[in-house]
Each structure stands twice: as C-alpha cells, then as structure tokens.
C-alpha cells in the first residue's frame, strides 16, 4: 500500500470514529437527560411523602389541642395552639407547592389565631356556651388539618405507583 492509500484508509477510519463519537455523545446526552428527569421525579416524590408525614404530625398536634380544650386545660391549650399556629404557618410556607390551592389551611390558621387570642386575653372560658364554641373551632381546625393530611397521603399513594 502506498502512502496515499494509507492516508485514505486513515481518513475513512477517522471519519467513522468521529461519527461514532458523535453518536455515542448523543446517546450519553439522552441518557443524562432521562436521569435528570428521573432524579427530579424522585426528589418530588420524597418531598411529597415528607409533606404528608409533616401533616400527619400536625394532625396529631391539632388532636392534642382539641383534647386540651375538651379537658379544659388552659395552660396546655394555650401552648398547643401557639405551637400549632407556628408549625402550620411554617409548613404552609415551606410546602406550598404540595398543598391544595384552596383557602382551607389559611382558614385553619385564622381560626387558630382567634383561639390563641381568645385564650391569651380572656383565659379559658367558664361559660359552657363559650366552651362549646371554642371546642367547635378546635374540631374544625382538626378536621381541616386531617383533611389536608388525607389528601396528601392519597396523592403520595398515586406517586408511588
């Protein structure tokens, strides 16, 4: 073989290698794009599950508040309502993308603030009608938080499938 024949063979080999390199690079890019999408979906699923878990704890806190009001334990009720206002406000701000768009949680925070203000300024009511109103408010708060928790768990079940 002459040197020009070798140049021709090497040129063809180089061209084939370059085309193969482009094809393999493209395949790697497609795989990386798929991996990036899968990683985003996994992160979203983990955050969804974490949000559902967080609201399970908040539902338990709302239940504790309701129990404190029903047992007429003013000191525990004030502590529970203040903790729940704080935790629910933080959860609402942190997890907004995973929560329902309706105003239920904002209504729960509004109700909690009203309960907190009432207990802080007036103390625990002695009138049975006022106790009933306070209990109903706390039941409504518990119901809202549990409803959100249930919806979150239902959506998490759908994510895992």
Protein backbone atom coordinates (compact mmCIF):
# COMPACT_ATOMS: atom_id res chain seq x y z
CA UNK A 1 0.00 0.00 0.00
CA UNK A 2 1.17 3.39 -0.83
CA UNK A 3 1.19 6.32 1.50
CA UNK A 4 -1.81 7.88 -0.25
CA UNK A 5 -3.74 4.63 0.25
CA UNK A 6 -2.84 4.74 3.95
CA UNK A 7 -3.97 8.37 4.15
CA UNK A 8 -7.24 7.40 2.54
CA UNK A 9 -7.76 4.48 4.97
CA UNK A 10 -6.83 6.65 7.96
CA UNK A 11 -9.17 9.42 6.78
CA UNK A 12 -12.06 6.97 6.48
CA UNK A 13 -11.21 5.45 9.88
CA UNK A 14 -11.04 8.93 11.44
CA UNK A 15 -14.38 9.89 9.89
CA UNK A 16 -16.01 6.69 11.16
CA UNK A 17 -14.52 7.26 14.60
CA UNK A 18 -15.77 10.87 14.62
CA UNK A 19 -19.28 9.79 13.60
CA UNK A 20 -19.23 7.07 16.25
CA UNK A 21 -18.09 9.66 18.82
CA UNK A 22 -20.96 11.97 17.89
CA UNK A 23 -23.46 9.09 18.09
CA UNK A 24 -22.14 7.94 21.48
CA UNK A 25 -22.13 11.53 22.78
CA UNK A 26 -25.72 11.97 21.67
CA UNK A 27 -26.71 8.68 23.35
CA UNK A 28 -24.98 9.77 26.57
CA UNK A 29 -26.79 13.12 26.44
CA UNK A 30 -30.16 11.37 26.01
CA UNK A 31 -29.38 9.09 28.97
CA UNK A 32 -28.28 12.03 31.12
CA UNK A 33 -31.44 13.91 30.26
CA UNK A 34 -33.52 10.89 31.30
CA UNK A 35 -31.53 10.52 34.52
CA UNK A 36 -32.04 14.19 35.33
CA UNK A 37 -35.80 13.82 34.82
CA UNK A 38 -35.86 10.68 36.98
CA UNK A 39 -33.89 12.46 39.72
CA UNK A 40 -36.36 15.38 39.69
CA UNK A 41 -39.30 12.99 39.89
CA UNK A 42 -37.67 11.12 42.78
CA UNK A 43 -36.98 14.37 44.65
CA UNK A 44 -40.60 15.45 44.12
CA UNK A 45 -41.87 12.09 45.42
CA UNK A 46 -39.67 12.33 48.52
CA UNK A 47 -40.83 15.88 49.24
CA UNK A 48 -44.45 14.81 48.75
CA UNK A 49 -44.03 11.97 51.23
CA UNK A 50 -42.23 14.28 53.66
CA UNK A 51 -45.10 16.77 53.39
CA UNK A 52 -47.66 14.03 54.09
CA UNK A 53 -45.60 12.94 57.11
CA UNK A 54 -45.34 16.53 58.35
CA UNK A 55 -49.11 16.94 58.12
CA UNK A 56 -49.63 13.67 59.98
CA UNK A 57 -47.71 15.26 62.85
CA UNK A 58 -49.73 18.47 62.52
CA UNK A 59 -52.97 16.46 62.64
CA UNK A 60 -51.76 14.86 65.88
CA UNK A 61 -50.93 18.33 67.23
CA UNK A 62 -54.43 19.52 66.30
CA UNK A 63 -55.85 16.50 68.12
CA UNK A 64 -53.77 17.41 71.20
CA UNK A 65 -55.16 20.96 71.07
CA UNK A 66 -58.70 19.63 70.85
CA UNK A 67 -58.08 17.28 73.78
CA UNK A 68 -56.65 20.12 75.88
CA UNK A 69 -59.71 22.26 75.18
CA UNK A 70 -62.10 19.39 75.87
CA UNK A 71 -60.28 18.65 79.14
CA UNK A 72 -60.37 22.39 79.94
CA UNK A 73 -56.60 22.55 80.49
CA UNK A 74 -55.97 26.21 79.74
CA UNK A 75 -52.18 26.16 80.05
CA UNK A 76 -51.83 23.16 77.75
CA UNK A 77 -54.39 24.59 75.29
CA UNK A 78 -52.51 27.90 75.01
CA UNK A 79 -49.21 26.10 74.46
CA UNK A 80 -50.77 23.72 71.92
CA UNK A 81 -52.49 26.45 69.93
CA UNK A 82 -49.34 28.59 69.76
CA UNK A 83 -47.24 25.59 68.67
CA UNK A 84 -49.79 24.62 66.05
CA UNK A 85 -50.04 28.16 64.64
CA UNK A 86 -46.27 28.27 64.31
CA UNK A 87 -45.84 24.80 62.78
CA UNK A 88 -48.77 25.17 60.41
CA UNK A 89 -47.58 28.58 59.21
CA UNK A 90 -44.09 27.23 58.57
CA UNK A 91 -45.45 24.14 56.81
CA UNK A 92 -47.70 26.27 54.64
CA UNK A 93 -44.79 28.47 53.56
CA UNK A 94 -42.31 25.60 53.09
CA UNK A 95 -44.59 23.12 51.34
CA UNK A 96 -46.86 25.40 49.34
CA UNK A 97 -46.27 23.56 46.06
CA UNK A 98 -47.53 20.29 47.56
CA UNK A 99 -50.59 21.71 49.30
CA UNK A 100 -54.10 22.32 47.96
CA UNK A 101 -54.67 25.73 46.42
CA UNK A 102 -57.85 26.39 48.38
CA UNK A 103 -58.02 28.58 51.45
CA UNK A 104 -58.67 25.79 53.98
CA UNK A 105 -55.26 25.95 55.62
CA UNK A 106 -55.35 29.72 55.77
CA UNK A 107 -58.76 29.41 57.40
CA UNK A 108 -57.30 26.96 59.93
CA UNK A 109 -54.50 29.42 60.74
CA UNK A 110 -57.08 32.20 61.07
CA UNK A 111 -59.13 30.04 63.45
CA UNK A 112 -56.00 29.12 65.41
CA UNK A 113 -55.07 32.78 65.75
CA UNK A 114 -58.57 33.54 67.01
CA UNK A 115 -58.36 30.71 69.56
CA UNK A 116 -54.90 31.88 70.64
CA UNK A 117 -56.06 35.46 71.02
CA UNK A 118 -59.13 34.40 72.96
CA UNK A 119 -57.22 32.17 75.36
CA UNK A 120 -54.40 34.69 75.84
CA UNK A 121 -56.66 37.66 76.51
CA UNK A 122 -59.61 36.10 78.33
CA UNK A 123 -58.22 32.83 79.64
CA UNK A 124 -60.20 29.64 79.47
CA UNK A 125 -63.95 30.33 79.34
CA UNK A 126 -66.12 29.35 82.25
CA UNK A 127 -69.38 29.67 80.34
CA UNK A 128 -70.50 26.36 78.80
CA UNK A 129 -71.65 28.13 75.61
CA UNK A 130 -68.21 29.70 75.14
CA UNK A 131 -66.53 26.35 75.86
CA UNK A 132 -68.73 24.76 73.20
CA UNK A 133 -67.80 27.47 70.66
CA UNK A 134 -64.12 27.04 71.45
CA UNK A 135 -64.41 23.25 71.16
CA UNK A 136 -66.18 23.55 67.80
CA UNK A 137 -63.45 25.82 66.48
CA UNK A 138 -60.80 23.34 67.55
CA UNK A 139 -62.77 20.50 65.96
CA UNK A 140 -62.96 22.47 62.73
CA UNK A 141 -59.20 23.09 62.82
CA UNK A 142 -58.55 19.39 63.45
CA UNK A 143 -60.91 18.44 60.62
CA UNK A 144 -59.16 20.79 58.15
CA UNK A 145 -55.66 19.57 59.02
CA UNK A 146 -56.76 15.92 58.88
CA UNK A 147 -58.46 16.51 55.53
CA UNK A 148 -55.30 18.01 54.08
CA UNK A 149 -53.25 15.14 55.51
CA UNK A 150 -55.62 12.58 53.98
CA UNK A 151 -55.44 14.26 50.57
CA UNK A 152 -51.65 14.39 50.76
CA UNK A 153 -51.41 10.70 51.64
CA UNK A 154 -53.80 9.86 48.80
CA UNK A 155 -51.67 11.78 46.32
CA UNK A 156 -48.49 10.16 47.66
CA UNK A 157 -50.01 6.73 47.05
CA UNK A 158 -50.59 7.77 43.44
CA UNK A 159 -46.97 8.97 43.11
CA UNK A 160 -45.55 5.63 44.24
CA UNK A 161 -47.42 3.65 41.56
